[in-house]
Amino acid sequence: TVNLMIDNLRPEDTAVYYCAADFRAWCPDQADPDFEYWGQ
């Protein structure tokens, strides 16, 4: 399980939130949408 907590929710946070998995040892240094597996 991987959790995500967001404090002090704002209307601008309205969105569909996805988790995703990618075959890497380390997280990227900058945003990278190239993840292999995605949730619904």
All heavy atoms as atom14 arrays in JSON, in Angstrom:
{
  "sequence": "TVNLMIDNLRPEDTAVYYCAADFRAWCPDQADPDFEYWGQ",
  "atom14_mask": [
    [1, 1, 1, 1, 1, 1, 1, 0, 0, 0, 0, 0, 0, 0],
    [1, 1, 1, 1, 1, 1, 1, 0, 0, 0, 0, 0, 0, 0],
    [1, 1, 1, 1, 1, 1, 1, 1, 0, 0, 0, 0, 0, 0],
    [1, 1, 1, 1, 1, 1, 1, 1, 0, 0, 0, 0, 0, 0],
    [1, 1, 1, 1, 1, 1, 1, 1, 0, 0, 0, 0, 0, 0],
    [1, 1, 1, 1, 1, 1, 1, 1, 0, 0, 0, 0, 0, 0],
    [1, 1, 1, 1, 1, 1, 1, 1, 0, 0, 0, 0, 0, 0],
    [1, 1, 1, 1, 1, 1, 1, 1, 0, 0, 0, 0, 0, 0],
    [1, 1, 1, 1, 1, 1, 1, 1, 0, 0, 0, 0, 0, 0],
    [1, 1, 1, 1, 1, 1, 1, 1, 1, 1, 1, 0, 0, 0],
    [1, 1, 1, 1, 1, 1, 1, 0, 0, 0, 0, 0, 0, 0],
    [1, 1, 1, 1, 1, 1, 1, 1, 1, 0, 0, 0, 0, 0],
    [1, 1, 1, 1, 1, 1, 1, 1, 0, 0, 0, 0, 0, 0],
    [1, 1, 1, 1, 1, 1, 1, 0, 0, 0, 0, 0, 0, 0],
    [1, 1, 1, 1, 1, 0, 0, 0, 0, 0, 0, 0, 0, 0],
    [1, 1, 1, 1, 1, 1, 1, 0, 0, 0, 0, 0, 0, 0],
    [1, 1, 1, 1, 1, 1, 1, 1, 1, 1, 1, 1, 0, 0],
    [1, 1, 1, 1, 1, 1, 1, 1, 1, 1, 1, 1, 0, 0],
    [1, 1, 1, 1, 1, 1, 0, 0, 0, 0, 0, 0, 0, 0],
    [1, 1, 1, 1, 1, 0, 0, 0, 0, 0, 0, 0, 0, 0],
    [1, 1, 1, 1, 1, 0, 0, 0, 0, 0, 0, 0, 0, 0],
    [1, 1, 1, 1, 1, 1, 1, 1, 0, 0, 0, 0, 0, 0],
    [1, 1, 1, 1, 1, 1, 1, 1, 1, 1, 1, 0, 0, 0],
    [1, 1, 1, 1, 1, 1, 1, 1, 1, 1, 1, 0, 0, 0],
    [1, 1, 1, 1, 1, 0, 0, 0, 0, 0, 0, 0, 0, 0],
    [1, 1, 1, 1, 1, 1, 1, 1, 1, 1, 1, 1, 1, 1],
    [1, 1, 1, 1, 1, 1, 0, 0, 0, 0, 0, 0, 0, 0],
    [1, 1, 1, 1, 1, 1, 1, 0, 0, 0, 0, 0, 0, 0],
    [1, 1, 1, 1, 1, 1, 1, 1, 0, 0, 0, 0, 0, 0],
    [1, 1, 1, 1, 1, 1, 1, 1, 1, 0, 0, 0, 0, 0],
    [1, 1, 1, 1, 1, 0, 0, 0, 0, 0, 0, 0, 0, 0],
    [1, 1, 1, 1, 1, 1, 1, 1, 0, 0, 0, 0, 0, 0],
    [1, 1, 1, 1, 1, 1, 1, 0, 0, 0, 0, 0, 0, 0],
    [1, 1, 1, 1, 1, 1, 1, 1, 0, 0, 0, 0, 0, 0],
    [1, 1, 1, 1, 1, 1, 1, 1, 1, 1, 1, 0, 0, 0],
    [1, 1, 1, 1, 1, 1, 1, 1, 1, 0, 0, 0, 0, 0],
    [1, 1, 1, 1, 1, 1, 1, 1, 1, 1, 1, 1, 0, 0],
    [1, 1, 1, 1, 1, 1, 1, 1, 1, 1, 1, 1, 1, 1],
    [1, 1, 1, 1, 0, 0, 0, 0, 0, 0, 0, 0, 0, 0],
    [1, 1, 1, 1, 1, 1, 1, 1, 1, 0, 0, 0, 0, 0]
  ],
  "atom14_positions": [
    [[0.82, -1.2, 0.0], [0.0, 0.0, 0.0], [0.87, 1.25, 0.0], [1.88, 1.32, 0.7], [-0.92, 0.02, 1.23], [-1.8, -1.11, 1.19], [-1.76, 1.29, 1.26], [0.0, 0.0, 0.0], [0.0, 0.0, 0.0], [0.0, 0.0, 0.0], [0.0, 0.0, 0.0], [0.0, 0.0, 0.0], [0.0, 0.0, 0.0], [0.0, 0.0, 0.0]],
    [[0.47, 2.23, -0.79], [1.09, 3.54, -0.8], [0.0, 4.57, -0.56], [-1.01, 4.58, -1.26], [1.83, 3.81, -2.11], [2.48, 5.2, -2.08], [2.88, 2.75, -2.37], [0.0, 0.0, 0.0], [0.0, 0.0, 0.0], [0.0, 0.0, 0.0], [0.0, 0.0, 0.0], [0.0, 0.0, 0.0], [0.0, 0.0, 0.0], [0.0, 0.0, 0.0]],
    [[0.23, 5.43, 0.41], [-0.76, 6.43, 0.78], [-0.37, 7.81, 0.29], [0.81, 8.11, 0.09], [-0.95, 6.47, 2.29], [-1.51, 5.19, 2.85], [-2.31, 4.51, 2.19], [-1.12, 4.84, 4.06], [0.0, 0.0, 0.0], [0.0, 0.0, 0.0], [0.0, 0.0, 0.0], [0.0, 0.0, 0.0], [0.0, 0.0, 0.0], [0.0, 0.0, 0.0]],
    [[-1.36, 8.64, 0.12], [-1.15, 10.05, -0.17], [-2.07, 10.86, 0.73], [-3.28, 10.63, 0.75], [-1.48, 10.36, -1.64], [-1.25, 11.81, -2.07], [0.24, 12.09, -2.24], [-2.01, 12.13, -3.36], [0.0, 0.0, 0.0], [0.0, 0.0, 0.0], [0.0, 0.0, 0.0], [0.0, 0.0, 0.0], [0.0, 0.0, 0.0], [0.0, 0.0, 0.0]],
    [[-1.49, 11.78, 1.49], [-2.26, 12.67, 2.33], [-2.1, 14.1, 1.84], [-0.98, 14.53, 1.56], [-1.84, 12.57, 3.8], [-2.18, 11.26, 4.46], [-2.0, 11.33, 6.27], [-0.28, 11.78, 6.4], [0.0, 0.0, 0.0], [0.0, 0.0, 0.0], [0.0, 0.0, 0.0], [0.0, 0.0, 0.0], [0.0, 0.0, 0.0], [0.0, 0.0, 0.0]],
    [[-3.2, 14.8, 1.75], [-3.19, 16.2, 1.37], [-3.87, 16.98, 2.47], [-5.02, 16.7, 2.83], [-3.9, 16.44, 0.03], [-3.26, 15.6, -1.08], [-3.86, 17.92, -0.34], [-3.99, 15.67, -2.4], [0.0, 0.0, 0.0], [0.0, 0.0, 0.0], [0.0, 0.0, 0.0], [0.0, 0.0, 0.0], [0.0, 0.0, 0.0], [0.0, 0.0, 0.0]],
    [[-3.17, 17.96, 3.0], [-3.7, 18.81, 4.06], [-4.37, 20.04, 3.47], [-4.06, 20.48, 2.36], [-2.57, 19.26, 4.99], [-1.88, 18.12, 5.7], [-2.54, 17.12, 6.01], [-0.65, 18.24, 5.94], [0.0, 0.0, 0.0], [0.0, 0.0, 0.0], [0.0, 0.0, 0.0], [0.0, 0.0, 0.0], [0.0, 0.0, 0.0], [0.0, 0.0, 0.0]],
    [[-5.29, 20.6, 4.25], [-5.9, 21.88, 3.91], [-6.42, 21.89, 2.48], [-6.02, 22.71, 1.65], [-4.9, 23.01, 4.13], [-5.54, 24.38, 4.09], [-6.75, 24.52, 4.31], [-4.75, 25.4, 3.79], [0.0, 0.0, 0.0], [0.0, 0.0, 0.0], [0.0, 0.0, 0.0], [0.0, 0.0, 0.0], [0.0, 0.0, 0.0], [0.0, 0.0, 0.0]],
    [[-7.33, 20.99, 2.2], [-7.87, 20.86, 0.85], [-8.47, 22.15, 0.35], [-9.13, 22.89, 1.1], [-8.91, 19.75, 0.8], [-8.37, 18.32, 0.78], [-9.49, 17.33, 1.03], [-7.67, 18.03, -0.54], [0.0, 0.0, 0.0], [0.0, 0.0, 0.0], [0.0, 0.0, 0.0], [0.0, 0.0, 0.0], [0.0, 0.0, 0.0], [0.0, 0.0, 0.0]],
    [[-8.27, 22.42, -0.91], [-8.79, 23.6, -1.59], [-9.61, 23.18, -2.8], [-9.42, 22.09, -3.33], [-7.63, 24.49, -2.05], [-6.65, 24.87, -0.96], [-5.39, 25.49, -1.55], [-4.43, 25.85, -0.52], [-3.19, 26.25, -0.76], [-2.76, 26.35, -2.02], [-2.38, 26.55, 0.24], [0.0, 0.0, 0.0], [0.0, 0.0, 0.0], [0.0, 0.0, 0.0]],
    [[-10.52, 24.03, -3.26], [-11.28, 23.69, -4.47], [-10.38, 23.37, -5.66], [-10.75, 22.54, -6.49], [-12.11, 24.95, -4.72], [-12.31, 25.53, -3.36], [-11.02, 25.26, -2.63], [0.0, 0.0, 0.0], [0.0, 0.0, 0.0], [0.0, 0.0, 0.0], [0.0, 0.0, 0.0], [0.0, 0.0, 0.0], [0.0, 0.0, 0.0], [0.0, 0.0, 0.0]],
    [[-9.22, 24.0, -5.73], [-8.28, 23.74, -6.82], [-7.71, 22.33, -6.78], [-7.09, 21.9, -7.76], [-7.13, 24.75, -6.79], [-7.57, 26.2, -6.79], [-7.78, 26.73, -5.39], [-6.78, 27.09, -4.73], [-8.94, 26.77, -4.94], [0.0, 0.0, 0.0], [0.0, 0.0, 0.0], [0.0, 0.0, 0.0], [0.0, 0.0, 0.0], [0.0, 0.0, 0.0]],
    [[-7.89, 21.62, -5.68], [-7.42, 20.25, -5.59], [-8.39, 19.27, -6.23], [-8.09, 18.07, -6.3], [-7.2, 19.86, -4.13], [-6.1, 20.65, -3.47], [-5.09, 20.95, -4.14], [-6.24, 20.97, -2.27], [0.0, 0.0, 0.0], [0.0, 0.0, 0.0], [0.0, 0.0, 0.0], [0.0, 0.0, 0.0], [0.0, 0.0, 0.0], [0.0, 0.0, 0.0]],
    [[-9.53, 19.73, -6.67], [-10.51, 18.86, -7.33], [-9.89, 18.25, -8.58], [-9.45, 18.96, -9.48], [-11.77, 19.64, -7.69], [-12.41, 20.09, -6.49], [-12.74, 18.76, -8.47], [0.0, 0.0, 0.0], [0.0, 0.0, 0.0], [0.0, 0.0, 0.0], [0.0, 0.0, 0.0], [0.0, 0.0, 0.0], [0.0, 0.0, 0.0], [0.0, 0.0, 0.0]],
    [[-9.86, 16.94, -8.63], [-9.22, 16.23, -9.73], [-9.45, 14.74, -9.55], [-9.91, 14.28, -8.5], [-7.72, 16.53, -9.79], [0.0, 0.0, 0.0], [0.0, 0.0, 0.0], [0.0, 0.0, 0.0], [0.0, 0.0, 0.0], [0.0, 0.0, 0.0], [0.0, 0.0, 0.0], [0.0, 0.0, 0.0], [0.0, 0.0, 0.0], [0.0, 0.0, 0.0]],
    [[-9.1, 14.0, -10.57], [-8.99, 12.56, -10.45], [-7.56, 12.24, -10.05], [-6.61, 12.71, -10.69], [-9.35, 11.83, -11.76], [-9.17, 10.33, -11.61], [-10.78, 12.15, -12.16], [0.0, 0.0, 0.0], [0.0, 0.0, 0.0], [0.0, 0.0, 0.0], [0.0, 0.0, 0.0], [0.0, 0.0, 0.0], [0.0, 0.0, 0.0], [0.0, 0.0, 0.0]],
    [[-7.4, 11.47, -9.0], [-6.09, 11.14, -8.48], [-5.75, 9.69, -8.83], [-6.56, 8.79, -8.63], [-6.06, 11.33, -6.96], [-6.02, 12.78, -6.56], [-7.14, 13.58, -6.69], [-4.84, 13.35, -6.07], [-7.1, 14.92, -6.34], [-4.8, 14.69, -5.72], [-5.93, 15.47, -5.86], [-5.89, 16.8, -5.51], [0.0, 0.0, 0.0], [0.0, 0.0, 0.0]],
    [[-4.56, 9.5, -9.36], [-4.1, 8.2, -9.81], [-2.83, 7.78, -9.08], [-1.96, 8.62, -8.82], [-3.77, 8.22, -11.3], [-4.89, 8.62, -12.22], [-5.13, 9.95, -12.54], [-5.71, 7.65, -12.79], [-6.15, 10.31, -13.4], [-6.73, 8.0, -13.65], [-6.95, 9.33, -13.95], [-7.96, 9.68, -14.8], [0.0, 0.0, 0.0], [0.0, 0.0, 0.0]],
    [[-2.71, 6.51, -8.79], [-1.41, 5.98, -8.43], [-0.85, 5.21, -9.61], [-1.59, 4.74, -10.48], [-1.47, 5.1, -7.17], [-2.43, 3.58, -7.31], [0.0, 0.0, 0.0], [0.0, 0.0, 0.0], [0.0, 0.0, 0.0], [0.0, 0.0, 0.0], [0.0, 0.0, 0.0], [0.0, 0.0, 0.0], [0.0, 0.0, 0.0], [0.0, 0.0, 0.0]],
    [[0.46, 5.11, -9.66], [1.13, 4.47, -10.77], [2.43, 3.84, -10.31], [3.03, 4.28, -9.33], [1.4, 5.48, -11.89], [0.0, 0.0, 0.0], [0.0, 0.0, 0.0], [0.0, 0.0, 0.0], [0.0, 0.0, 0.0], [0.0, 0.0, 0.0], [0.0, 0.0, 0.0], [0.0, 0.0, 0.0], [0.0, 0.0, 0.0], [0.0, 0.0, 0.0]],
    [[2.86, 2.81, -11.01], [4.09, 2.1, -10.7], [5.01, 2.09, -11.91], [4.55, 1.98, -13.05], [3.79, 0.67, -10.26], [0.0, 0.0, 0.0], [0.0, 0.0, 0.0], [0.0, 0.0, 0.0], [0.0, 0.0, 0.0], [0.0, 0.0, 0.0], [0.0, 0.0, 0.0], [0.0, 0.0, 0.0], [0.0, 0.0, 0.0], [0.0, 0.0, 0.0]],
    [[6.3, 2.19, -11.65], [7.27, 2.15, -12.73], [8.52, 1.39, -12.29], [8.91, 1.45, -11.12], [7.65, 3.56, -13.19], [8.18, 3.58, -14.61], [7.53, 3.0, -15.5], [9.26, 4.18, -14.83], [0.0, 0.0, 0.0], [0.0, 0.0, 0.0], [0.0, 0.0, 0.0], [0.0, 0.0, 0.0], [0.0, 0.0, 0.0], [0.0, 0.0, 0.0]],
    [[9.12, 0.71, -13.24], [10.29, -0.13, -12.99], [11.53, 0.75, -12.86], [12.26, 0.97, -13.82], [10.44, -1.14, -14.12], [11.49, -2.19, -13.89], [11.27, -3.22, -13.0], [12.7, -2.15, -14.57], [12.22, -4.2, -12.78], [13.66, -3.12, -14.37], [13.43, -4.15, -13.47], [0.0, 0.0, 0.0], [0.0, 0.0, 0.0], [0.0, 0.0, 0.0]],
    [[11.73, 1.28, -11.68], [12.87, 2.14, -11.37], [13.33, 1.86, -9.95], [12.55, 1.46, -9.09], [12.52, 3.62, -11.47], [11.77, 4.05, -12.7], [11.57, 5.55, -12.68], [10.61, 5.99, -13.68], [10.53, 7.23, -14.14], [11.35, 8.17, -13.69], [9.61, 7.54, -15.04], [0.0, 0.0, 0.0], [0.0, 0.0, 0.0], [0.0, 0.0, 0.0]],
    [[14.6, 2.11, -9.69], [15.13, 1.99, -8.34], [14.96, 3.28, -7.55], [14.82, 3.25, -6.33], [16.61, 1.59, -8.37], [0.0, 0.0, 0.0], [0.0, 0.0, 0.0], [0.0, 0.0, 0.0], [0.0, 0.0, 0.0], [0.0, 0.0, 0.0], [0.0, 0.0, 0.0], [0.0, 0.0, 0.0], [0.0, 0.0, 0.0], [0.0, 0.0, 0.0]],
    [[14.99, 4.41, -8.24], [14.91, 5.71, -7.62], [13.86, 6.56, -8.29], [13.59, 6.41, -9.48], [16.27, 6.42, -7.67], [17.36, 5.66, -7.0], [18.28, 4.86, -7.58], [17.63, 5.62, -5.59], [19.11, 4.31, -6.64], [18.74, 4.77, -5.4], [17.04, 6.23, -4.48], [19.27, 4.5, -4.15], [17.56, 5.97, -3.22], [18.67, 5.12, -3.07]],
    [[13.32, 7.48, -7.53], [12.35, 8.41, -8.08], [13.05, 9.43, -8.97], [14.2, 9.79, -8.72], [11.6, 9.12, -6.96], [10.49, 8.05, -6.03], [0.0, 0.0, 0.0], [0.0, 0.0, 0.0], [0.0, 0.0, 0.0], [0.0, 0.0, 0.0], [0.0, 0.0, 0.0], [0.0, 0.0, 0.0], [0.0, 0.0, 0.0], [0.0, 0.0, 0.0]],
    [[12.35, 9.92, -9.97], [12.96, 10.93, -10.84], [13.18, 12.24, -10.12], [12.5, 12.55, -9.13], [11.94, 11.08, -11.98], [10.64, 10.65, -11.37], [10.99, 9.56, -10.39], [0.0, 0.0, 0.0], [0.0, 0.0, 0.0], [0.0, 0.0, 0.0], [0.0, 0.0, 0.0], [0.0, 0.0, 0.0], [0.0, 0.0, 0.0], [0.0, 0.0, 0.0]],
    [[14.14, 13.02, -10.61], [14.44, 14.3, -10.0], [13.42, 15.37, -10.34], [13.31, 16.38, -9.64], [15.83, 14.79, -10.42], [16.94, 13.95, -9.83], [16.76, 13.39, -8.74], [18.01, 13.87, -10.47], [0.0, 0.0, 0.0], [0.0, 0.0, 0.0], [0.0, 0.0, 0.0], [0.0, 0.0, 0.0], [0.0, 0.0, 0.0], [0.0, 0.0, 0.0]],
    [[12.69, 15.16, -11.41], [11.65, 16.09, -11.81], [10.43, 15.31, -12.26], [10.49, 14.09, -12.45], [12.13, 17.02, -12.91], [12.59, 16.31, -14.17], [13.19, 17.25, -15.19], [13.29, 18.45, -14.96], [13.58, 16.72, -16.33], [0.0, 0.0, 0.0], [0.0, 0.0, 0.0], [0.0, 0.0, 0.0], [0.0, 0.0, 0.0], [0.0, 0.0, 0.0]],
    [[9.32, 16.01, -12.42], [8.07, 15.36, -12.81], [8.25, 14.53, -14.08], [8.88, 14.98, -15.03], [6.98, 16.4, -13.01], [0.0, 0.0, 0.0], [0.0, 0.0, 0.0], [0.0, 0.0, 0.0], [0.0, 0.0, 0.0], [0.0, 0.0, 0.0], [0.0, 0.0, 0.0], [0.0, 0.0, 0.0], [0.0, 0.0, 0.0], [0.0, 0.0, 0.0]],
    [[7.69, 13.35, -14.05], [7.85, 12.42, -15.18], [6.6, 11.56, -15.25], [6.38, 10.7, -14.39], [9.1, 11.58, -14.99], [9.38, 10.66, -16.18], [8.61, 10.67, -17.16], [10.39, 9.93, -16.12], [0.0, 0.0, 0.0], [0.0, 0.0, 0.0], [0.0, 0.0, 0.0], [0.0, 0.0, 0.0], [0.0, 0.0, 0.0], [0.0, 0.0, 0.0]],
    [[5.78, 11.73, -16.29], [4.54, 10.96, -16.39], [4.72, 9.56, -16.97], [3.74, 8.83, -17.09], [3.69, 11.82, -17.34], [4.71, 12.45, -18.24], [5.91, 12.72, -17.37], [0.0, 0.0, 0.0], [0.0, 0.0, 0.0], [0.0, 0.0, 0.0], [0.0, 0.0, 0.0], [0.0, 0.0, 0.0], [0.0, 0.0, 0.0], [0.0, 0.0, 0.0]],
    [[5.93, 9.18, -17.3], [6.19, 7.91, -17.97], [6.26, 6.78, -16.95], [7.33, 6.24, -16.67], [7.46, 8.0, -18.8], [7.65, 6.8, -19.7], [6.69, 6.06, -19.94], [8.79, 6.59, -20.17], [0.0, 0.0, 0.0], [0.0, 0.0, 0.0], [0.0, 0.0, 0.0], [0.0, 0.0, 0.0], [0.0, 0.0, 0.0], [0.0, 0.0, 0.0]],
    [[5.1, 6.41, -16.42], [4.98, 5.28, -15.52], [4.25, 4.15, -16.22], [3.34, 4.39, -17.02], [4.23, 5.67, -14.25], [5.09, 6.3, -13.19], [5.89, 7.39, -13.47], [5.09, 5.79, -11.89], [6.69, 7.96, -12.5], [5.88, 6.36, -10.91], [6.68, 7.45, -11.21], [0.0, 0.0, 0.0], [0.0, 0.0, 0.0], [0.0, 0.0, 0.0]],
    [[4.64, 2.93, -15.92], [4.17, 1.78, -16.68], [2.75, 1.36, -16.33], [1.93, 1.12, -17.22], [5.13, 0.61, -16.49], [4.77, -0.62, -17.31], [5.8, -1.73, -17.16], [6.75, -1.57, -16.35], [5.67, -2.75, -17.84], [0.0, 0.0, 0.0], [0.0, 0.0, 0.0], [0.0, 0.0, 0.0], [0.0, 0.0, 0.0], [0.0, 0.0, 0.0]],
    [[2.47, 1.23, -15.05], [1.18, 0.72, -14.6], [0.41, 1.82, -13.9], [0.98, 2.59, -13.12], [1.36, -0.47, -13.67], [2.05, -1.64, -14.3], [3.29, -2.07, -13.83], [1.47, -2.33, -15.35], [3.93, -3.15, -14.4], [2.11, -3.41, -15.93], [3.34, -3.82, -15.45], [3.98, -4.9, -16.02], [0.0, 0.0, 0.0], [0.0, 0.0, 0.0]],
    [[-0.9, 1.83, -14.15], [-1.76, 2.88, -13.61], [-3.01, 2.3, -12.99], [-3.56, 1.31, -13.48], [-2.17, 3.86, -14.72], [-1.03, 4.67, -15.23], [-0.09, 4.28, -16.13], [-0.71, 6.01, -14.86], [0.81, 5.3, -16.35], [0.45, 6.37, -15.58], [-1.28, 6.94, -14.0], [1.04, 7.62, -15.46], [-0.7, 8.19, -13.87], [0.45, 8.52, -14.6]],
    [[-3.46, 2.93, -11.92], [-4.75, 2.61, -11.36], [-5.86, 3.29, -12.14], [-5.63, 4.05, -13.08], [0.0, 0.0, 0.0], [0.0, 0.0, 0.0], [0.0, 0.0, 0.0], [0.0, 0.0, 0.0], [0.0, 0.0, 0.0], [0.0, 0.0, 0.0], [0.0, 0.0, 0.0], [0.0, 0.0, 0.0], [0.0, 0.0, 0.0], [0.0, 0.0, 0.0]],
    [[-7.08, 3.02, -11.72], [-8.24, 3.56, -12.43], [-8.56, 4.99, -12.03], [-9.33, 5.67, -12.72], [-9.46, 2.67, -12.18], [-10.18, 2.91, -10.86], [-9.42, 2.43, -9.64], [-8.43, 1.72, -9.73], [-9.91, 2.83, -8.46], [0.0, 0.0, 0.0], [0.0, 0.0, 0.0], [0.0, 0.0, 0.0], [0.0, 0.0, 0.0], [0.0, 0.0, 0.0]]
  ]
}
